[in-house]
All heavy atoms as atom14 arrays in JSON, in Angstrom:
{
  "sequence": "LGIPLGVAIFSYYELSYVGDVPQKQPEKTPDL",
  "atom14_mask": [
    [1, 1, 1, 1, 1, 1, 1, 1, 0, 0, 0, 0, 0, 0],
    [1, 1, 1, 1, 0, 0, 0, 0, 0, 0, 0, 0, 0, 0],
    [1, 1, 1, 1, 1, 1, 1, 1, 0, 0, 0, 0, 0, 0],
    [1, 1, 1, 1, 1, 1, 1, 0, 0, 0, 0, 0, 0, 0],
    [1, 1, 1, 1, 1, 1, 1, 1, 0, 0, 0, 0, 0, 0],
    [1, 1, 1, 1, 0, 0, 0, 0, 0, 0, 0, 0, 0, 0],
    [1, 1, 1, 1, 1, 1, 1, 0, 0, 0, 0, 0, 0, 0],
    [1, 1, 1, 1, 1, 0, 0, 0, 0, 0, 0, 0, 0, 0],
    [1, 1, 1, 1, 1, 1, 1, 1, 0, 0, 0, 0, 0, 0],
    [1, 1, 1, 1, 1, 1, 1, 1, 1, 1, 1, 0, 0, 0],
    [1, 1, 1, 1, 1, 1, 0, 0, 0, 0, 0, 0, 0, 0],
    [1, 1, 1, 1, 1, 1, 1, 1, 1, 1, 1, 1, 0, 0],
    [1, 1, 1, 1, 1, 1, 1, 1, 1, 1, 1, 1, 0, 0],
    [1, 1, 1, 1, 1, 1, 1, 1, 1, 0, 0, 0, 0, 0],
    [1, 1, 1, 1, 1, 1, 1, 1, 0, 0, 0, 0, 0, 0],
    [1, 1, 1, 1, 1, 1, 0, 0, 0, 0, 0, 0, 0, 0],
    [1, 1, 1, 1, 1, 1, 1, 1, 1, 1, 1, 1, 0, 0],
    [1, 1, 1, 1, 1, 1, 1, 0, 0, 0, 0, 0, 0, 0],
    [1, 1, 1, 1, 0, 0, 0, 0, 0, 0, 0, 0, 0, 0],
    [1, 1, 1, 1, 1, 1, 1, 1, 0, 0, 0, 0, 0, 0],
    [1, 1, 1, 1, 1, 1, 1, 0, 0, 0, 0, 0, 0, 0],
    [1, 1, 1, 1, 1, 1, 1, 0, 0, 0, 0, 0, 0, 0],
    [1, 1, 1, 1, 1, 1, 1, 1, 1, 0, 0, 0, 0, 0],
    [1, 1, 1, 1, 1, 1, 1, 1, 1, 0, 0, 0, 0, 0],
    [1, 1, 1, 1, 1, 1, 1, 1, 1, 0, 0, 0, 0, 0],
    [1, 1, 1, 1, 1, 1, 1, 0, 0, 0, 0, 0, 0, 0],
    [1, 1, 1, 1, 1, 1, 1, 1, 1, 0, 0, 0, 0, 0],
    [1, 1, 1, 1, 1, 1, 1, 1, 1, 0, 0, 0, 0, 0],
    [1, 1, 1, 1, 1, 1, 1, 0, 0, 0, 0, 0, 0, 0],
    [1, 1, 1, 1, 1, 1, 1, 0, 0, 0, 0, 0, 0, 0],
    [1, 1, 1, 1, 1, 1, 1, 1, 0, 0, 0, 0, 0, 0],
    [1, 1, 1, 1, 1, 1, 1, 1, 0, 0, 0, 0, 0, 0]
  ],
  "atom14_positions": [
    [[-18.27, 0.68, -21.56], [-17.36, 1.72, -21.11], [-17.19, 1.66, -19.59], [-16.12, 1.94, -19.07], [-17.87, 3.1, -21.52], [-17.03, 4.3, -21.13], [-15.7, 4.26, -21.87], [-17.75, 5.59, -21.42], [0.0, 0.0, 0.0], [0.0, 0.0, 0.0], [0.0, 0.0, 0.0], [0.0, 0.0, 0.0], [0.0, 0.0, 0.0], [0.0, 0.0, 0.0]],
    [[-18.24, 1.28, -18.89], [-18.21, 1.27, -17.43], [-17.32, 0.18, -16.86], [-16.72, 0.36, -15.8], [0.0, 0.0, 0.0], [0.0, 0.0, 0.0], [0.0, 0.0, 0.0], [0.0, 0.0, 0.0], [0.0, 0.0, 0.0], [0.0, 0.0, 0.0], [0.0, 0.0, 0.0], [0.0, 0.0, 0.0], [0.0, 0.0, 0.0], [0.0, 0.0, 0.0]],
    [[-17.23, -0.95, -17.53], [-16.42, -2.06, -17.0], [-14.95, -1.68, -16.91], [-14.35, -1.77, -15.83], [-16.65, -3.34, -17.84], [-18.07, -3.86, -17.61], [-15.63, -4.41, -17.5], [-18.47, -4.98, -18.55], [0.0, 0.0, 0.0], [0.0, 0.0, 0.0], [0.0, 0.0, 0.0], [0.0, 0.0, 0.0], [0.0, 0.0, 0.0], [0.0, 0.0, 0.0]],
    [[-14.28, -1.25, -17.99], [-12.87, -0.89, -17.84], [-12.67, 0.34, -16.96], [-11.66, 0.44, -16.25], [-12.38, -0.62, -19.26], [-13.52, -0.74, -20.15], [-14.7, -1.2, -19.38], [0.0, 0.0, 0.0], [0.0, 0.0, 0.0], [0.0, 0.0, 0.0], [0.0, 0.0, 0.0], [0.0, 0.0, 0.0], [0.0, 0.0, 0.0], [0.0, 0.0, 0.0]],
    [[-13.63, 1.25, -16.97], [-13.51, 2.43, -16.12], [-13.59, 2.02, -14.65], [-12.81, 2.51, -13.83], [-14.62, 3.43, -16.46], [-14.51, 4.8, -15.84], [-13.24, 5.5, -16.31], [-15.73, 5.62, -16.18], [0.0, 0.0, 0.0], [0.0, 0.0, 0.0], [0.0, 0.0, 0.0], [0.0, 0.0, 0.0], [0.0, 0.0, 0.0], [0.0, 0.0, 0.0]],
    [[-14.49, 1.12, -14.31], [-14.59, 0.64, -12.93], [-13.35, -0.11, -12.49], [-12.88, 0.05, -11.38], [0.0, 0.0, 0.0], [0.0, 0.0, 0.0], [0.0, 0.0, 0.0], [0.0, 0.0, 0.0], [0.0, 0.0, 0.0], [0.0, 0.0, 0.0], [0.0, 0.0, 0.0], [0.0, 0.0, 0.0], [0.0, 0.0, 0.0], [0.0, 0.0, 0.0]],
    [[-12.82, -0.94, -13.39], [-11.6, -1.68, -13.07], [-10.43, -0.72, -12.87], [-9.62, -0.89, -11.96], [-11.29, -2.71, -14.18], [-9.91, -3.29, -14.03], [-12.33, -3.81, -14.18], [0.0, 0.0, 0.0], [0.0, 0.0, 0.0], [0.0, 0.0, 0.0], [0.0, 0.0, 0.0], [0.0, 0.0, 0.0], [0.0, 0.0, 0.0], [0.0, 0.0, 0.0]],
    [[-10.35, 0.32, -13.69], [-9.25, 1.28, -13.56], [-9.37, 2.06, -12.25], [-8.36, 2.27, -11.56], [-9.26, 2.25, -14.74], [0.0, 0.0, 0.0], [0.0, 0.0, 0.0], [0.0, 0.0, 0.0], [0.0, 0.0, 0.0], [0.0, 0.0, 0.0], [0.0, 0.0, 0.0], [0.0, 0.0, 0.0], [0.0, 0.0, 0.0], [0.0, 0.0, 0.0]],
    [[-10.57, 2.46, -11.88], [-10.75, 3.2, -10.63], [-10.43, 2.3, -9.44], [-9.74, 2.71, -8.5], [-12.18, 3.76, -10.55], [-12.36, 4.88, -11.57], [-12.5, 4.27, -9.14], [-13.78, 5.34, -11.73], [0.0, 0.0, 0.0], [0.0, 0.0, 0.0], [0.0, 0.0, 0.0], [0.0, 0.0, 0.0], [0.0, 0.0, 0.0], [0.0, 0.0, 0.0]],
    [[-10.91, 1.07, -9.48], [-10.65, 0.14, -8.38], [-9.15, -0.14, -8.24], [-8.6, -0.13, -7.14], [-11.41, -1.16, -8.6], [-11.13, -2.2, -7.56], [-11.67, -2.08, -6.29], [-10.33, -3.29, -7.86], [-11.4, -3.04, -5.33], [-10.07, -4.26, -6.91], [-10.61, -4.12, -5.63], [0.0, 0.0, 0.0], [0.0, 0.0, 0.0], [0.0, 0.0, 0.0]],
    [[-8.48, -0.38, -9.37], [-7.05, -0.69, -9.29], [-6.24, 0.53, -8.86], [-5.28, 0.4, -8.11], [-6.54, -1.21, -10.63], [-6.71, -0.22, -11.63], [0.0, 0.0, 0.0], [0.0, 0.0, 0.0], [0.0, 0.0, 0.0], [0.0, 0.0, 0.0], [0.0, 0.0, 0.0], [0.0, 0.0, 0.0], [0.0, 0.0, 0.0], [0.0, 0.0, 0.0]],
    [[-6.63, 1.72, -9.29], [-5.93, 2.92, -8.85], [-6.08, 3.11, -7.34], [-5.11, 3.43, -6.65], [-6.46, 4.16, -9.58], [-5.83, 5.45, -9.11], [-4.55, 5.78, -9.52], [-6.51, 6.32, -8.27], [-3.94, 6.95, -9.08], [-5.92, 7.48, -7.83], [-4.64, 7.79, -8.25], [-4.05, 8.95, -7.81], [0.0, 0.0, 0.0], [0.0, 0.0, 0.0]],
    [[-7.29, 2.86, -6.84], [-7.51, 2.98, -5.4], [-6.68, 1.96, -4.63], [-6.05, 2.29, -3.63], [-8.99, 2.8, -5.09], [-9.27, 2.77, -3.61], [-9.25, 3.93, -2.85], [-9.53, 1.57, -2.96], [-9.5, 3.91, -1.49], [-9.78, 1.54, -1.6], [-9.76, 2.7, -0.87], [-9.99, 2.66, 0.47], [0.0, 0.0, 0.0], [0.0, 0.0, 0.0]],
    [[-6.67, 0.72, -5.11], [-5.93, -0.32, -4.41], [-4.42, -0.09, -4.47], [-3.7, -0.42, -3.53], [-6.26, -1.69, -4.99], [-7.66, -2.16, -4.65], [-7.87, -2.37, -3.17], [-6.94, -2.85, -2.49], [-8.95, -2.02, -2.68], [0.0, 0.0, 0.0], [0.0, 0.0, 0.0], [0.0, 0.0, 0.0], [0.0, 0.0, 0.0], [0.0, 0.0, 0.0]],
    [[-3.93, 0.47, -5.57], [-2.5, 0.71, -5.68], [-2.05, 1.94, -4.89], [-0.92, 2.0, -4.41], [-2.1, 0.89, -7.15], [-2.11, -0.39, -7.98], [-1.87, -0.04, -9.43], [-1.07, -1.37, -7.49], [0.0, 0.0, 0.0], [0.0, 0.0, 0.0], [0.0, 0.0, 0.0], [0.0, 0.0, 0.0], [0.0, 0.0, 0.0], [0.0, 0.0, 0.0]],
    [[-2.94, 2.93, -4.76], [-2.53, 4.16, -4.1], [-2.84, 4.16, -2.61], [-2.25, 4.94, -1.87], [-3.19, 5.36, -4.77], [-4.61, 5.27, -4.62], [0.0, 0.0, 0.0], [0.0, 0.0, 0.0], [0.0, 0.0, 0.0], [0.0, 0.0, 0.0], [0.0, 0.0, 0.0], [0.0, 0.0, 0.0], [0.0, 0.0, 0.0], [0.0, 0.0, 0.0]],
    [[-3.75, 3.32, -2.14], [-4.11, 3.31, -0.72], [-3.07, 2.5, 0.06], [-2.86, 1.33, -0.2], [-5.49, 2.71, -0.52], [-5.91, 2.66, 0.93], [-6.19, 3.83, 1.62], [-6.01, 1.46, 1.6], [-6.56, 3.8, 2.93], [-6.39, 1.41, 2.92], [-6.67, 2.58, 3.59], [-7.04, 2.54, 4.89], [0.0, 0.0, 0.0], [0.0, 0.0, 0.0]],
    [[-2.44, 3.15, 1.01], [-1.4, 2.5, 1.78], [-1.96, 1.89, 3.04], [-1.54, 0.83, 3.49], [-0.27, 3.51, 2.12], [0.79, 2.86, 2.98], [0.32, 4.07, 0.86], [0.0, 0.0, 0.0], [0.0, 0.0, 0.0], [0.0, 0.0, 0.0], [0.0, 0.0, 0.0], [0.0, 0.0, 0.0], [0.0, 0.0, 0.0], [0.0, 0.0, 0.0]],
    [[-2.92, 2.55, 3.66], [-3.48, 2.05, 4.9], [-2.68, 2.52, 6.08], [-1.78, 3.36, 5.99], [0.0, 0.0, 0.0], [0.0, 0.0, 0.0], [0.0, 0.0, 0.0], [0.0, 0.0, 0.0], [0.0, 0.0, 0.0], [0.0, 0.0, 0.0], [0.0, 0.0, 0.0], [0.0, 0.0, 0.0], [0.0, 0.0, 0.0], [0.0, 0.0, 0.0]],
    [[-3.01, 1.98, 7.23], [-2.29, 2.35, 8.45], [-1.0, 1.55, 8.55], [-1.03, 0.32, 8.62], [-3.16, 2.08, 9.68], [-4.4, 2.97, 9.66], [-4.31, 4.1, 9.15], [-5.45, 2.51, 10.16], [0.0, 0.0, 0.0], [0.0, 0.0, 0.0], [0.0, 0.0, 0.0], [0.0, 0.0, 0.0], [0.0, 0.0, 0.0], [0.0, 0.0, 0.0]],
    [[0.11, 2.28, 8.53], [1.4, 1.62, 8.63], [1.87, 1.77, 10.07], [2.05, 2.89, 10.56], [2.43, 2.25, 7.67], [3.78, 1.58, 7.8], [1.92, 2.17, 6.25], [0.0, 0.0, 0.0], [0.0, 0.0, 0.0], [0.0, 0.0, 0.0], [0.0, 0.0, 0.0], [0.0, 0.0, 0.0], [0.0, 0.0, 0.0], [0.0, 0.0, 0.0]],
    [[2.07, 0.67, 10.77], [2.52, 0.79, 12.16], [3.96, 1.29, 12.23], [4.79, 1.0, 11.37], [2.41, -0.64, 12.71], [2.47, -1.52, 11.5], [1.89, -0.72, 10.37], [0.0, 0.0, 0.0], [0.0, 0.0, 0.0], [0.0, 0.0, 0.0], [0.0, 0.0, 0.0], [0.0, 0.0, 0.0], [0.0, 0.0, 0.0], [0.0, 0.0, 0.0]],
    [[4.23, 2.06, 13.26], [5.57, 2.58, 13.45], [6.49, 1.45, 13.93], [6.14, 0.7, 14.84], [5.57, 3.71, 14.48], [4.77, 4.92, 14.06], [5.43, 5.64, 12.9], [6.66, 5.61, 12.77], [4.62, 6.27, 12.07], [0.0, 0.0, 0.0], [0.0, 0.0, 0.0], [0.0, 0.0, 0.0], [0.0, 0.0, 0.0], [0.0, 0.0, 0.0]],
    [[7.64, 1.33, 13.31], [8.59, 0.31, 13.71], [9.43, 0.81, 14.87], [9.86, 1.97, 14.89], [9.5, -0.09, 12.55], [8.79, -0.86, 11.48], [9.79, -1.38, 10.46], [9.1, -2.24, 9.44], [10.04, -2.79, 8.49], [0.0, 0.0, 0.0], [0.0, 0.0, 0.0], [0.0, 0.0, 0.0], [0.0, 0.0, 0.0], [0.0, 0.0, 0.0]],
    [[9.66, -0.07, 15.78], [10.53, 0.25, 16.91], [11.98, 0.05, 16.47], [12.3, -0.91, 15.76], [10.22, -0.67, 18.09], [8.79, -0.54, 18.6], [8.54, 0.85, 19.19], [9.45, 1.49, 19.71], [7.3, 1.3, 19.09], [0.0, 0.0, 0.0], [0.0, 0.0, 0.0], [0.0, 0.0, 0.0], [0.0, 0.0, 0.0], [0.0, 0.0, 0.0]],
    [[12.85, 0.95, 16.84], [14.25, 0.77, 16.45], [14.81, -0.51, 17.11], [14.64, -0.74, 18.29], [14.96, 2.01, 16.96], [14.03, 2.63, 17.93], [12.64, 2.16, 17.61], [0.0, 0.0, 0.0], [0.0, 0.0, 0.0], [0.0, 0.0, 0.0], [0.0, 0.0, 0.0], [0.0, 0.0, 0.0], [0.0, 0.0, 0.0], [0.0, 0.0, 0.0]],
    [[15.4, -1.32, 16.28], [15.95, -2.58, 16.77], [17.45, -2.46, 16.97], [18.11, -1.6, 16.37], [15.65, -3.7, 15.77], [14.17, -3.98, 15.6], [13.92, -5.06, 14.56], [14.89, -5.63, 14.04], [12.75, -5.31, 14.29], [0.0, 0.0, 0.0], [0.0, 0.0, 0.0], [0.0, 0.0, 0.0], [0.0, 0.0, 0.0], [0.0, 0.0, 0.0]],
    [[17.95, -3.34, 17.77], [19.39, -3.38, 17.99], [20.04, -3.93, 16.72], [19.62, -4.93, 16.16], [19.7, -4.3, 19.17], [21.15, -4.35, 19.53], [21.35, -5.26, 20.71], [22.82, -5.43, 20.97], [23.06, -6.38, 22.05], [0.0, 0.0, 0.0], [0.0, 0.0, 0.0], [0.0, 0.0, 0.0], [0.0, 0.0, 0.0], [0.0, 0.0, 0.0]],
    [[21.05, -3.24, 16.24], [21.71, -3.68, 15.02], [22.51, -4.94, 15.3], [23.26, -5.02, 16.29], [22.64, -2.59, 14.46], [23.58, -2.25, 15.47], [21.86, -1.37, 14.04], [0.0, 0.0, 0.0], [0.0, 0.0, 0.0], [0.0, 0.0, 0.0], [0.0, 0.0, 0.0], [0.0, 0.0, 0.0], [0.0, 0.0, 0.0], [0.0, 0.0, 0.0]],
    [[22.39, -5.94, 14.45], [23.15, -7.17, 14.68], [24.62, -6.96, 14.33], [25.0, -6.07, 13.57], [22.51, -8.16, 13.71], [21.93, -7.32, 12.63], [21.52, -6.03, 13.29], [0.0, 0.0, 0.0], [0.0, 0.0, 0.0], [0.0, 0.0, 0.0], [0.0, 0.0, 0.0], [0.0, 0.0, 0.0], [0.0, 0.0, 0.0], [0.0, 0.0, 0.0]],
    [[25.44, -7.8, 14.92], [26.87, -7.74, 14.61], [27.08, -8.23, 13.19], [26.61, -9.3, 12.8], [27.65, -8.63, 15.59], [27.56, -8.09, 17.01], [27.4, -6.86, 17.16], [27.63, -8.91, 17.95], [0.0, 0.0, 0.0], [0.0, 0.0, 0.0], [0.0, 0.0, 0.0], [0.0, 0.0, 0.0], [0.0, 0.0, 0.0], [0.0, 0.0, 0.0]],
    [[27.77, -7.43, 12.41], [28.0, -7.77, 11.02], [29.31, -8.52, 10.87], [30.32, -8.17, 11.48], [28.03, -6.51, 10.17], [26.75, -5.67, 10.16], [26.97, -4.42, 9.33], [25.61, -6.49, 9.59], [0.0, 0.0, 0.0], [0.0, 0.0, 0.0], [0.0, 0.0, 0.0], [0.0, 0.0, 0.0], [0.0, 0.0, 0.0], [0.0, 0.0, 0.0]]
  ]
}
């Protein structure tokens, strides 16, 4: 029972954890 439960907890954590997302600097829009 512990093996699938551990895998489910680990995968849920990895899927839901975003981490530190750096702020993007606004870029100049290219000519379209």
